[in-house]
Amino acid sequence: STTPYGYGFSGNATATEMMGHIVETNFKAINCTYMDHDGVMVDSGWLYEQGVPNMRNLIQDFNDKTHPYYFTYHHSAGDSMEVMDPDMMDDNVIMIASMMYNIANRNESLPKPNLK
């Protein structure tokens, strides 16, 4: 299963607090209320290094953080829409789109990370 259950986020303390508030108040209906303080992934880390906050979806993948199901096709010849379960894809798109909508409708922008 690749059912979403929360978000990973990397940013400064103010942005992390803002994201936590969004998750707590807006995502109970879709059961995505967990927030991990690690949103940087191998494909997006360079953006974080340039000052862009990073977010990722957290999915239930055989209860294993290494995502064995996901990585059976990720970046392989089978990494295509045809191998994806449409309902699981819909769940993940709803989750990410809902978060982007909530962030976009805030009066203030997410602040940039404090880089060393």
Foldseek 3Di string as FASTA:
>chain_A
DFAFQEKEKEAAPVLVVVLLVCLVPPPVVSNHNDYHPHQDDPVCVVVLVVFDIGMDTHTDQVVDPVNPVVVVQVPHPNPDPVPDDVVRVVNRVCVVVVSVVVQVPDPDHRGTHDDD
